[in-house]
Amino acid sequence: MPFDILLVSLVAAVLAIDVRTIGGTMISRPLVVGPLVGLLLGNIGIGLIVAILVELLWIGMLPVGAYLPVETLPVTTVAAGLTILLKDTISLPQYSLIIFALMAAIPLGYVGRWLEIHIRNLNSVLSAYLVRQAGKGDFSRISLIQGLNVLITFLKSFLLCFLPLYFGRGILENIVHSLLK
């Protein structure tokens, strides 16, 4: 089980860097991430249901101008992952468990957006530094800064998926069992 959580988190983190490196190919959207999480954990159907629900929740939130929508990748990954990991240990109907896991995962989207704002602020500072260096004829740090940006995005997404899946599984199980008593 810890290996599955690690694998899902690594795959989600790799998908998250698509916006930074490739230019937004949409592979980090819930309709791709959800079924992929389901495939990795053995239940594509639950992954697809979670993906559809997450897409519908934020279908009108477009990244227009300076507005950053909620990060849907960690919400989809964690909600689908928790549902699949807990479906055999919690005696709730499948759709109830999906909604419960989704409610637990939604705050991650807002945490991800908050982190993304700070990452973009850091990028502004680093970009200004690179412009100053380029003005002096020093182009040696451009690749390093680009790599750092990709690493930061990877780590943000990995931690936003791994920590809730690894620690949240037991917490959610205890909450549901206490509610059902």
Protein backbone atom coordinates (compact mmCIF):
# COMPACT_ATOMS: atom_id res chain seq x y z
CA MET A 1 0.00 0.00 0.00
CA PRO A 2 2.73 2.60 0.76
CA PHE A 3 4.33 1.74 -2.59
CA ASP A 4 1.02 2.39 -4.37
CA ILE A 5 0.68 5.76 -2.64
CA LEU A 6 4.26 6.66 -3.56
CA LEU A 7 3.71 5.62 -7.19
CA VAL A 8 0.44 7.56 -7.52
CA SER A 9 2.04 10.65 -5.95
CA LEU A 10 5.07 10.47 -8.25
CA VAL A 11 2.91 10.09 -11.36
CA ALA A 12 0.70 13.01 -10.26
CA ALA A 13 3.78 15.18 -9.66
CA VAL A 14 5.15 14.36 -13.12
CA LEU A 15 1.79 15.24 -14.67
CA ALA A 16 1.76 18.53 -12.76
CA ILE A 17 4.93 19.79 -14.41
CA ASP A 18 3.29 19.67 -17.83
CA VAL A 19 2.09 23.25 -17.36
CA ARG A 20 5.63 24.41 -16.51
CA THR A 21 7.61 22.53 -19.13
CA ILE A 22 5.42 21.57 -22.07
CA GLY A 23 3.01 24.48 -22.04
CA GLY A 24 -0.31 23.13 -20.90
CA THR A 25 -1.11 19.95 -22.80
CA MET A 26 -4.03 19.29 -20.41
CA ILE A 27 -2.60 15.99 -19.15
CA SER A 28 -2.85 17.35 -15.62
CA ARG A 29 -6.63 17.79 -15.90
CA PRO A 30 -8.93 15.64 -13.75
CA LEU A 31 -10.28 13.69 -16.74
CA VAL A 32 -6.77 12.36 -17.34
CA VAL A 33 -5.54 12.18 -13.74
CA GLY A 34 -8.58 10.44 -12.23
CA PRO A 35 -8.67 7.40 -14.53
CA LEU A 36 -4.86 7.16 -14.33
CA VAL A 37 -5.01 7.06 -10.52
CA GLY A 38 -7.77 4.47 -10.86
CA LEU A 39 -5.62 2.41 -13.22
CA LEU A 40 -2.65 2.52 -10.84
CA LEU A 41 -4.79 1.55 -7.84
CA GLY A 42 -6.97 -1.00 -9.62
CA ASN A 43 -10.31 0.77 -10.12
CA ILE A 44 -10.57 2.97 -13.21
CA GLY A 45 -14.32 3.47 -12.67
CA ILE A 46 -13.92 5.26 -9.36
CA GLY A 47 -11.11 7.37 -10.83
CA LEU A 48 -13.35 8.41 -13.72
CA ILE A 49 -16.31 9.24 -11.45
CA VAL A 50 -14.11 11.40 -9.22
CA ALA A 51 -12.60 13.09 -12.28
CA ILE A 52 -16.02 13.96 -13.69
CA LEU A 53 -17.18 15.38 -10.36
CA VAL A 54 -14.04 17.51 -9.97
CA GLU A 55 -14.33 18.81 -13.54
CA LEU A 56 -17.98 19.69 -12.96
CA LEU A 57 -17.22 21.46 -9.67
CA TRP A 58 -14.77 23.87 -11.27
CA ILE A 59 -15.85 23.89 -14.90
CA GLY A 60 -16.42 27.66 -14.90
CA MET A 61 -13.17 28.60 -13.21
CA LEU A 62 -10.85 29.61 -16.02
CA PRO A 63 -7.33 30.97 -15.53
CA VAL A 64 -8.10 34.33 -17.14
CA GLY A 65 -5.70 37.19 -16.47
CA ALA A 66 -4.10 37.01 -13.05
CA TYR A 67 -6.80 34.73 -11.61
CA LEU A 68 -5.58 31.29 -10.56
CA PRO A 69 -8.27 28.62 -10.26
CA VAL A 70 -8.21 25.89 -7.64
CA GLU A 71 -5.58 23.21 -8.30
CA THR A 72 -7.61 20.22 -9.41
CA LEU A 73 -4.75 17.72 -9.73
CA PRO A 74 -4.25 17.12 -5.97
CA VAL A 75 -8.01 17.15 -5.38
CA THR A 76 -8.57 14.49 -8.03
CA THR A 77 -5.56 12.39 -7.03
CA VAL A 78 -6.34 12.37 -3.33
CA ALA A 79 -10.12 11.93 -3.66
CA ALA A 80 -9.78 9.05 -6.11
CA GLY A 81 -6.89 7.53 -4.18
CA LEU A 82 -8.62 7.69 -0.80
CA THR A 83 -11.84 6.28 -2.22
CA ILE A 84 -10.08 3.32 -3.81
CA LEU A 85 -7.83 2.68 -0.80
CA LEU A 86 -10.74 2.85 1.68
CA LYS A 87 -13.53 1.14 -0.28
CA ASP A 88 -12.80 -2.26 1.26
CA THR A 89 -12.30 -1.06 4.84
CA ILE A 90 -15.20 1.38 5.23
CA SER A 91 -18.77 0.17 5.10
CA LEU A 92 -20.24 3.06 3.12
CA PRO A 93 -21.91 2.91 -0.28
CA GLN A 94 -19.39 3.69 -3.03
CA TYR A 95 -20.91 7.05 -3.99
CA SER A 96 -21.07 8.17 -0.36
CA LEU A 97 -17.40 7.31 0.06
CA ILE A 98 -16.53 9.21 -3.12
CA ILE A 99 -18.31 12.33 -1.84
CA PHE A 100 -16.73 11.97 1.59
CA ALA A 101 -13.23 11.63 0.09
CA LEU A 102 -13.91 14.53 -2.27
CA MET A 103 -14.96 16.76 0.64
CA ALA A 104 -11.77 15.83 2.45
CA ALA A 105 -9.65 16.58 -0.64
CA ILE A 106 -11.17 19.89 -1.74
CA PRO A 107 -9.08 22.02 0.66
CA LEU A 108 -5.96 20.72 -1.08
CA GLY A 109 -7.00 22.60 -4.20
CA TYR A 110 -6.98 25.86 -2.28
CA VAL A 111 -3.67 25.06 -0.59
CA GLY A 112 -2.25 24.27 -4.03
CA ARG A 113 -3.48 27.59 -5.39
CA TRP A 114 -1.97 29.45 -2.41
CA LEU A 115 1.36 27.70 -2.99
CA GLU A 116 1.19 28.43 -6.71
CA ILE A 117 0.76 32.14 -6.02
CA HIS A 118 3.91 32.10 -3.91
CA ILE A 119 5.80 30.07 -6.50
CA ARG A 120 4.85 32.62 -9.16
CA ASN A 121 6.02 35.45 -6.90
CA LEU A 122 9.33 33.62 -6.49
CA ASN A 123 9.50 33.21 -10.26
CA SER A 124 9.09 36.97 -10.68
CA VAL A 125 12.05 37.59 -8.40
CA LEU A 126 14.15 34.96 -10.16
CA SER A 127 13.16 36.31 -13.57
CA ALA A 128 14.23 39.83 -12.61
CA TYR A 129 17.54 38.39 -11.41
CA LEU A 130 18.04 36.56 -14.71
CA VAL A 131 17.29 39.70 -16.70
CA ARG A 132 19.93 41.58 -14.71
CA GLN A 133 22.43 38.77 -15.26
CA ALA A 134 21.63 38.62 -18.99
CA GLY A 135 22.20 42.37 -19.19
CA LYS A 136 25.71 41.71 -17.91
CA GLY A 137 26.22 38.98 -20.53
CA ASP A 138 25.87 36.07 -18.05
CA PHE A 139 23.44 33.45 -19.37
CA SER A 140 24.83 30.54 -17.33
CA ARG A 141 22.06 30.38 -14.71
CA ILE A 142 19.04 30.28 -17.00
CA SER A 143 18.89 26.47 -17.19
CA LEU A 144 19.50 26.17 -13.46
CA ILE A 145 16.60 28.50 -12.63
CA GLN A 146 14.32 26.70 -15.09
CA GLY A 147 15.23 23.37 -13.53
CA LEU A 148 14.62 24.80 -10.06
CA ASN A 149 11.17 25.94 -11.14
CA VAL A 150 10.29 22.47 -12.42
CA LEU A 151 11.64 20.88 -9.22
CA ILE A 152 9.59 23.20 -7.01
CA THR A 153 6.42 22.43 -8.98
CA PHE A 154 7.16 18.70 -8.81
CA LEU A 155 7.74 18.80 -5.04
CA LYS A 156 4.62 20.90 -4.43
CA SER A 157 2.41 18.44 -6.27
CA PHE A 158 4.12 15.37 -4.85
CA LEU A 159 3.69 16.55 -1.27
CA LEU A 160 0.10 17.70 -1.85
CA CYS A 161 -0.73 14.17 -3.02
CA PHE A 162 1.55 11.95 -0.93
CA LEU A 163 0.98 13.39 2.55
CA PRO A 164 -2.85 13.31 2.47
CA LEU A 165 -2.91 9.86 0.91
CA TYR A 166 -0.38 8.40 3.33
CA PHE A 167 -1.66 10.00 6.53
CA GLY A 168 -5.24 10.81 5.54
CA ARG A 169 -6.21 7.22 4.91
CA GLY A 170 -6.16 6.34 8.61
CA ILE A 171 -7.64 9.67 9.68
CA LEU A 172 -10.59 9.35 7.29
CA GLU A 173 -11.16 5.76 8.32
CA ASN A 174 -11.33 6.80 11.99
CA ILE A 175 -13.69 9.69 11.22
CA VAL A 176 -16.10 7.51 9.26
CA HIS A 177 -16.06 4.75 11.88
CA SER A 178 -16.77 7.27 14.65
CA LEU A 179 -19.65 8.76 12.63
CA LEU A 180 -21.18 5.35 11.99
CA LYS A 181 -21.27 4.37 15.68
